[in-house]
Amino acid sequence: MPKVIHEKDKCIGCGACAAVCPDFWEMGSDGKSHLKGSKKAGKNFELTLKDAACNQDAANTCPVQCIQVK
């Protein structure tokens, strides 16, 4: 199953991920993106899914490449 990893400390808050994949991404009150339903894993946030869905699009549009789908 795919795992989405968000390196939030690298996020610049551009909102590209939330624009292309609003079912999984939103802008947080801190001005950075938030992966809905994710859990803290060390310095990152992770979410395991049955299907990567639009998260690969979010990773591809991120200008600082802080989203990974593995």
PDB file of N, CA and C in Angstrom:
ATOM      1  N   MET A   1       0.836  -1.184   0.000  1.00  0.00           N
ATOM      2  CA  MET A   1       0.000   0.000   0.000  1.00  0.00           C
ATOM      3  C   MET A   1       0.883   1.252   0.000  1.00  0.00           C
ATOM      4  N   PRO A   2       0.485   2.251  -0.746  1.00  0.00           N
ATOM      5  CA  PRO A   2       1.296   3.476  -0.812  1.00  0.00           C
ATOM      6  C   PRO A   2       1.306   4.230   0.512  1.00  0.00           C
ATOM      7  N   LYS A   3       2.436   4.847   0.777  1.00  0.00           N
ATOM      8  CA  LYS A   3       2.590   5.696   1.950  1.00  0.00           C
ATOM      9  C   LYS A   3       2.916   7.103   1.461  1.00  0.00           C
ATOM     10  N   VAL A   4       2.178   8.085   1.966  1.00  0.00           N
ATOM     11  CA  VAL A   4       2.438   9.492   1.643  1.00  0.00           C
ATOM     12  C   VAL A   4       3.218  10.076   2.806  1.00  0.00           C
ATOM     13  N   ILE A   5       4.337  10.704   2.491  1.00  0.00           N
ATOM     14  CA  ILE A   5       5.207  11.292   3.500  1.00  0.00           C
ATOM     15  C   ILE A   5       5.299  12.792   3.248  1.00  0.00           C
ATOM     16  N   HIS A   6       5.046  13.571   4.304  1.00  0.00           N
ATOM     17  CA  HIS A   6       5.119  15.033   4.199  1.00  0.00           C
ATOM     18  C   HIS A   6       6.223  15.532   5.122  1.00  0.00           C
ATOM     19  N   GLU A   7       7.237  16.145   4.525  1.00  0.00           N
ATOM     20  CA  GLU A   7       8.320  16.758   5.286  1.00  0.00           C
ATOM     21  C   GLU A   7       7.902  18.204   5.567  1.00  0.00           C
ATOM     22  N   LYS A   8       7.100  18.373   6.607  1.00  0.00           N
ATOM     23  CA  LYS A   8       6.460  19.663   6.876  1.00  0.00           C
ATOM     24  C   LYS A   8       7.458  20.788   7.130  1.00  0.00           C
ATOM     25  N   ASP A   9       8.613  20.482   7.693  1.00  0.00           N
ATOM     26  CA  ASP A   9       9.596  21.527   7.967  1.00  0.00           C
ATOM     27  C   ASP A   9      10.142  22.160   6.688  1.00  0.00           C
ATOM     28  N   LYS A  10      10.047  21.463   5.561  1.00  0.00           N
ATOM     29  CA  LYS A  10      10.500  21.999   4.270  1.00  0.00           C
ATOM     30  C   LYS A  10       9.405  22.770   3.539  1.00  0.00           C
ATOM     31  N   CYS A  11       8.150  22.635   3.988  1.00  0.00           N
ATOM     32  CA  CYS A  11       7.006  23.237   3.312  1.00  0.00           C
ATOM     33  C   CYS A  11       7.105  24.767   3.326  1.00  0.00           C
ATOM     34  N   ILE A  12       6.831  25.392   2.179  1.00  0.00           N
ATOM     35  CA  ILE A  12       6.852  26.855   2.084  1.00  0.00           C
ATOM     36  C   ILE A  12       5.441  27.443   2.053  1.00  0.00           C
ATOM     37  N   GLY A  13       4.427  26.591   2.139  1.00  0.00           N
ATOM     38  CA  GLY A  13       3.040  27.059   2.213  1.00  0.00           C
ATOM     39  C   GLY A  13       2.495  27.619   0.919  1.00  0.00           C
ATOM     40  N   CYS A  14       2.928  27.098  -0.210  1.00  0.00           N
ATOM     41  CA  CYS A  14       2.468  27.632  -1.499  1.00  0.00           C
ATOM     42  C   CYS A  14       1.032  27.219  -1.828  1.00  0.00           C
ATOM     43  N   GLY A  15       0.563  26.104  -1.249  1.00  0.00           N
ATOM     44  CA  GLY A  15      -0.806  25.654  -1.465  1.00  0.00           C
ATOM     45  C   GLY A  15      -1.035  24.824  -2.709  1.00  0.00           C
ATOM     46  N   ALA A  16       0.015  24.485  -3.435  1.00  0.00           N
ATOM     47  CA  ALA A  16      -0.141  23.693  -4.667  1.00  0.00           C
ATOM     48  C   ALA A  16      -0.768  22.333  -4.378  1.00  0.00           C
ATOM     49  N   CYS A  17      -0.341  21.677  -3.308  1.00  0.00           N
ATOM     50  CA  CYS A  17      -0.869  20.356  -2.974  1.00  0.00           C
ATOM     51  C   CYS A  17      -2.364  20.430  -2.666  1.00  0.00           C
ATOM     52  N   ALA A  18      -2.769  21.425  -1.904  1.00  0.00           N
ATOM     53  CA  ALA A  18      -4.186  21.589  -1.559  1.00  0.00           C
ATOM     54  C   ALA A  18      -5.023  21.933  -2.790  1.00  0.00           C
ATOM     55  N   ALA A  19      -4.420  22.610  -3.752  1.00  0.00           N
ATOM     56  CA  ALA A  19      -5.142  22.970  -4.975  1.00  0.00           C
ATOM     57  C   ALA A  19      -5.394  21.756  -5.866  1.00  0.00           C
ATOM     58  N   VAL A  20      -4.410  20.862  -5.977  1.00  0.00           N
ATOM     59  CA  VAL A  20      -4.557  19.708  -6.869  1.00  0.00           C
ATOM     60  C   VAL A  20      -5.131  18.474  -6.178  1.00  0.00           C
ATOM     61  N   CYS A  21      -5.091  18.437  -4.846  1.00  0.00           N
ATOM     62  CA  CYS A  21      -5.538  17.248  -4.113  1.00  0.00           C
ATOM     63  C   CYS A  21      -6.254  17.644  -2.807  1.00  0.00           C
ATOM     64  N   PRO A  22      -7.359  18.376  -2.922  1.00  0.00           N
ATOM     65  CA  PRO A  22      -8.032  18.878  -1.713  1.00  0.00           C
ATOM     66  C   PRO A  22      -8.649  17.798  -0.833  1.00  0.00           C
ATOM     67  N   ASP A  23      -8.844  16.585  -1.343  1.00  0.00           N
ATOM     68  CA  ASP A  23      -9.380  15.511  -0.510  1.00  0.00           C
ATOM     69  C   ASP A  23      -8.388  15.096   0.582  1.00  0.00           C
ATOM     70  N   PHE A  24      -7.096  15.322   0.340  1.00  0.00           N
ATOM     71  CA  PHE A  24      -6.072  14.894   1.279  1.00  0.00           C
ATOM     72  C   PHE A  24      -5.244  16.029   1.867  1.00  0.00           C
ATOM     73  N   TRP A  25      -5.249  17.200   1.221  1.00  0.00           N
ATOM     74  CA  TRP A  25      -4.388  18.303   1.644  1.00  0.00           C
ATOM     75  C   TRP A  25      -5.204  19.556   1.939  1.00  0.00           C
ATOM     76  N   GLU A  26      -4.762  20.288   2.963  1.00  0.00           N
ATOM     77  CA  GLU A  26      -5.380  21.563   3.318  1.00  0.00           C
ATOM     78  C   GLU A  26      -4.294  22.470   3.877  1.00  0.00           C
ATOM     79  N   MET A  27      -4.577  23.752   3.890  1.00  0.00           N
ATOM     80  CA  MET A  27      -3.637  24.697   4.467  1.00  0.00           C
ATOM     81  C   MET A  27      -3.943  24.830   5.952  1.00  0.00           C
ATOM     82  N   GLY A  28      -2.917  24.726   6.776  1.00  0.00           N
ATOM     83  CA  GLY A  28      -3.077  24.804   8.220  1.00  0.00           C
ATOM     84  C   GLY A  28      -2.986  26.228   8.724  1.00  0.00           C
ATOM     85  N   SER A  29      -3.317  26.408   9.979  1.00  0.00           N
ATOM     86  CA  SER A  29      -3.280  27.737  10.593  1.00  0.00           C
ATOM     87  C   SER A  29      -1.855  28.278  10.713  1.00  0.00           C
ATOM     88  N   ASP A  30      -0.866  27.393  10.575  1.00  0.00           N
ATOM     89  CA  ASP A  30       0.540  27.815  10.626  1.00  0.00           C
ATOM     90  C   ASP A  30       1.051  28.289   9.269  1.00  0.00           C
ATOM     91  N   GLY A  31       0.163  28.278   8.247  1.00  0.00           N
ATOM     92  CA  GLY A  31       0.557  28.726   6.917  1.00  0.00           C
ATOM     93  C   GLY A  31       1.211  27.644   6.077  1.00  0.00           C
ATOM     94  N   LYS A  32       1.301  26.442   6.605  1.00  0.00           N
ATOM     95  CA  LYS A  32       1.887  25.321   5.867  1.00  0.00           C
ATOM     96  C   LYS A  32       0.806  24.313   5.544  1.00  0.00           C
ATOM     97  N   SER A  33       1.078  23.444   4.585  1.00  0.00           N
ATOM     98  CA  SER A  33       0.086  22.440   4.214  1.00  0.00           C
ATOM     99  C   SER A  33       0.011  21.343   5.276  1.00  0.00           C
ATOM    100  N   HIS A  34      -1.128  20.677   5.280  1.00  0.00           N
ATOM    101  CA  HIS A  34      -1.394  19.615   6.246  1.00  0.00           C
ATOM    102  C   HIS A  34      -1.984  18.429   5.495  1.00  0.00           C
ATOM    103  N   LEU A  35      -1.411  17.258   5.713  1.00  0.00           N
ATOM    104  CA  LEU A  35      -1.898  16.006   5.130  1.00  0.00           C
ATOM    105  C   LEU A  35      -2.980  15.460   6.046  1.00  0.00           C
ATOM    106  N   LYS A  36      -4.213  15.545   5.595  1.00  0.00           N
ATOM    107  CA  LYS A  36      -5.361  15.153   6.413  1.00  0.00           C
ATOM    108  C   LYS A  36      -5.247  13.693   6.846  1.00  0.00           C
ATOM    109  N   GLY A  37      -5.464  13.429   8.124  1.00  0.00           N
ATOM    110  CA  GLY A  37      -5.453  12.071   8.645  1.00  0.00           C
ATOM    111  C   GLY A  37      -4.077  11.495   8.892  1.00  0.00           C
ATOM    112  N   SER A  38      -3.039  12.294   8.680  1.00  0.00           N
ATOM    113  CA  SER A  38      -1.673  11.780   8.850  1.00  0.00           C
ATOM    114  C   SER A  38      -1.283  11.739  10.326  1.00  0.00           C
ATOM    115  N   LYS A  39      -0.249  10.960  10.575  1.00  0.00           N
ATOM    116  CA  LYS A  39       0.289  10.833  11.933  1.00  0.00           C
ATOM    117  C   LYS A  39       1.753  11.250  11.928  1.00  0.00           C
ATOM    118  N   LYS A  40       2.185  11.844  13.026  1.00  0.00           N
ATOM    119  CA  LYS A  40       3.576  12.264  13.173  1.00  0.00           C
ATOM    120  C   LYS A  40       4.474  11.031  13.200  1.00  0.00           C
ATOM    121  N   ALA A  41       5.535  11.069  12.410  1.00  0.00           N
ATOM    122  CA  ALA A  41       6.509   9.980  12.357  1.00  0.00           C
ATOM    123  C   ALA A  41       7.896  10.611  12.347  1.00  0.00           C
ATOM    124  N   GLY A  42       8.469  10.792  13.509  1.00  0.00           N
ATOM    125  CA  GLY A  42       9.744  11.502  13.591  1.00  0.00           C
ATOM    126  C   GLY A  42       9.523  12.971  13.278  1.00  0.00           C
ATOM    127  N   LYS A  43      10.270  13.485  12.310  1.00  0.00           N
ATOM    128  CA  LYS A  43      10.113  14.879  11.897  1.00  0.00           C
ATOM    129  C   LYS A  43       9.022  15.041  10.847  1.00  0.00           C
ATOM    130  N   ASN A  44       8.556  13.945  10.274  1.00  0.00           N
ATOM    131  CA  ASN A  44       7.602  13.982   9.159  1.00  0.00           C
ATOM    132  C   ASN A  44       6.202  13.577   9.602  1.00  0.00           C
ATOM    133  N   PHE A  45       5.278  13.692   8.661  1.00  0.00           N
ATOM    134  CA  PHE A  45       3.922  13.198   8.843  1.00  0.00           C
ATOM    135  C   PHE A  45       3.674  12.146   7.771  1.00  0.00           C
ATOM    136  N   GLU A  46       2.991  11.044   8.128  1.00  0.00           N
ATOM    137  CA  GLU A  46       2.789   9.940   7.190  1.00  0.00           C
ATOM    138  C   GLU A  46       1.340   9.472   7.202  1.00  0.00           C
ATOM    139  N   LEU A  47       0.915   8.988   6.028  1.00  0.00           N
ATOM    140  CA  LEU A  47      -0.419   8.431   5.868  1.00  0.00           C
ATOM    141  C   LEU A  47      -0.324   7.266   4.899  1.00  0.00           C
ATOM    142  N   THR A  48      -0.791   6.090   5.319  1.00  0.00           N
ATOM    143  CA  THR A  48      -0.808   4.912   4.454  1.00  0.00           C
ATOM    144  C   THR A  48      -2.201   4.773   3.864  1.00  0.00           C
ATOM    145  N   LEU A  49      -2.269   4.560   2.545  1.00  0.00           N
ATOM    146  CA  LEU A  49      -3.535   4.499   1.822  1.00  0.00           C
ATOM    147  C   LEU A  49      -3.626   3.231   0.989  1.00  0.00           C
ATOM    148  N   LYS A  50      -4.836   2.870   0.590  1.00  0.00           N
ATOM    149  CA  LYS A  50      -5.019   1.751  -0.339  1.00  0.00           C
ATOM    150  C   LYS A  50      -4.641   2.167  -1.752  1.00  0.00           C
ATOM    151  N   ASP A  51      -4.840   3.452  -2.058  1.00  0.00           N
ATOM    152  CA  ASP A  51      -4.585   3.993  -3.386  1.00  0.00           C
ATOM    153  C   ASP A  51      -3.983   5.388  -3.208  1.00  0.00           C
ATOM    154  N   ALA A  52      -2.914   5.684  -3.913  1.00  0.00           N
ATOM    155  CA  ALA A  52      -2.258   6.989  -3.775  1.00  0.00           C
ATOM    156  C   ALA A  52      -3.152   8.132  -4.246  1.00  0.00           C
ATOM    157  N   ALA A  53      -4.128   7.819  -5.090  1.00  0.00           N
ATOM    158  CA  ALA A  53      -5.076   8.827  -5.608  1.00  0.00           C
ATOM    159  C   ALA A  53      -4.325  10.046  -6.132  1.00  0.00           C
ATOM    160  N   CYS A  54      -4.762  11.226  -5.755  1.00  0.00           N
ATOM    161  CA  CYS A  54      -4.170  12.455  -6.288  1.00  0.00           C
ATOM    162  C   CYS A  54      -2.899  12.869  -5.552  1.00  0.00           C
ATOM    163  N   ASN A  55      -2.455  12.080  -4.587  1.00  0.00           N
ATOM    164  CA  ASN A  55      -1.269  12.458  -3.828  1.00  0.00           C
ATOM    165  C   ASN A  55      -0.002  12.496  -4.683  1.00  0.00           C
ATOM    166  N   GLN A  56       0.064  11.678  -5.728  1.00  0.00           N
ATOM    167  CA  GLN A  56       1.222  11.750  -6.619  1.00  0.00           C
ATOM    168  C   GLN A  56       1.217  13.078  -7.372  1.00  0.00           C
ATOM    169  N   ASP A  57       0.033  13.564  -7.740  1.00  0.00           N
ATOM    170  CA  ASP A  57      -0.069  14.890  -8.367  1.00  0.00           C
ATOM    171  C   ASP A  57       0.413  15.972  -7.400  1.00  0.00           C
ATOM    172  N   ALA A  58       0.029  15.848  -6.134  1.00  0.00           N
ATOM    173  CA  ALA A  58       0.463  16.812  -5.125  1.00  0.00           C
ATOM    174  C   ALA A  58       1.987  16.804  -5.008  1.00  0.00           C
ATOM    175  N   ALA A  59       2.569  15.614  -5.000  1.00  0.00           N
ATOM    176  CA  ALA A  59       4.029  15.501  -4.914  1.00  0.00           C
ATOM    177  C   ALA A  59       4.695  16.116  -6.135  1.00  0.00           C
ATOM    178  N   ASN A  60       4.112  15.885  -7.305  1.00  0.00           N
ATOM    179  CA  ASN A  60       4.697  16.401  -8.545  1.00  0.00           C
ATOM    180  C   ASN A  60       4.617  17.924  -8.639  1.00  0.00           C
ATOM    181  N   THR A  61       3.598  18.532  -8.038  1.00  0.00           N
ATOM    182  CA  THR A  61       3.437  19.984  -8.140  1.00  0.00           C
ATOM    183  C   THR A  61       4.160  20.747  -7.041  1.00  0.00           C
ATOM    184  N   CYS A  62       4.626  20.054  -6.017  1.00  0.00           N
ATOM    185  CA  CYS A  62       5.290  20.731  -4.897  1.00  0.00           C
ATOM    186  C   CYS A  62       6.640  21.316  -5.354  1.00  0.00           C
ATOM    187  N   PRO A  63       6.796  22.636  -5.245  1.00  0.00           N
ATOM    188  CA  PRO A  63       8.041  23.254  -5.732  1.00  0.00           C
ATOM    189  C   PRO A  63       9.274  22.918  -4.897  1.00  0.00           C
ATOM    190  N   VAL A  64       9.090  22.512  -3.641  1.00  0.00           N
ATOM    191  CA  VAL A  64      10.236  22.172  -2.795  1.00  0.00           C
ATOM    192  C   VAL A  64      10.351  20.679  -2.546  1.00  0.00           C
ATOM    193  N   GLN A  65       9.513  19.903  -3.196  1.00  0.00           N
ATOM    194  CA  GLN A  65       9.535  18.431  -3.156  1.00  0.00           C
ATOM    195  C   GLN A  65       9.549  17.888  -1.724  1.00  0.00           C
ATOM    196  N   CYS A  66       8.611  18.412  -0.902  1.00  0.00           N
ATOM    197  CA  CYS A  66       8.528  17.938   0.485  1.00  0.00           C
ATOM    198  C   CYS A  66       7.465  16.865   0.648  1.00  0.00           C
ATOM    199  N   ILE A  67       6.876  16.397  -0.470  1.00  0.00           N
ATOM    200  CA  ILE A  67       5.880  15.321  -0.452  1.00  0.00           C
ATOM    201  C   ILE A  67       6.452  14.149  -1.227  1.00  0.00           C
ATOM    202  N   GLN A  68       6.372  12.968  -0.619  1.00  0.00           N
ATOM    203  CA  GLN A  68       6.829  11.756  -1.286  1.00  0.00           C
ATOM    204  C   GLN A  68       5.729  10.715  -1.222  1.00  0.00           C
ATOM    205  N   VAL A  69       5.595   9.938  -2.294  1.00  0.00           N
ATOM    206  CA  VAL A  69       4.680   8.805  -2.314  1.00  0.00           C
ATOM    207  C   VAL A  69       5.532   7.573  -2.551  1.00  0.00           C
ATOM    208  N   LYS A  70       5.530   6.668  -1.587  1.00  0.00           N
ATOM    209  CA  LYS A  70       6.360   5.447  -1.702  1.00  0.00           C
ATOM    210  C   LYS A  70       5.492   4.220  -1.679  1.00  0.00           C
TER     211      LYS A  70
END
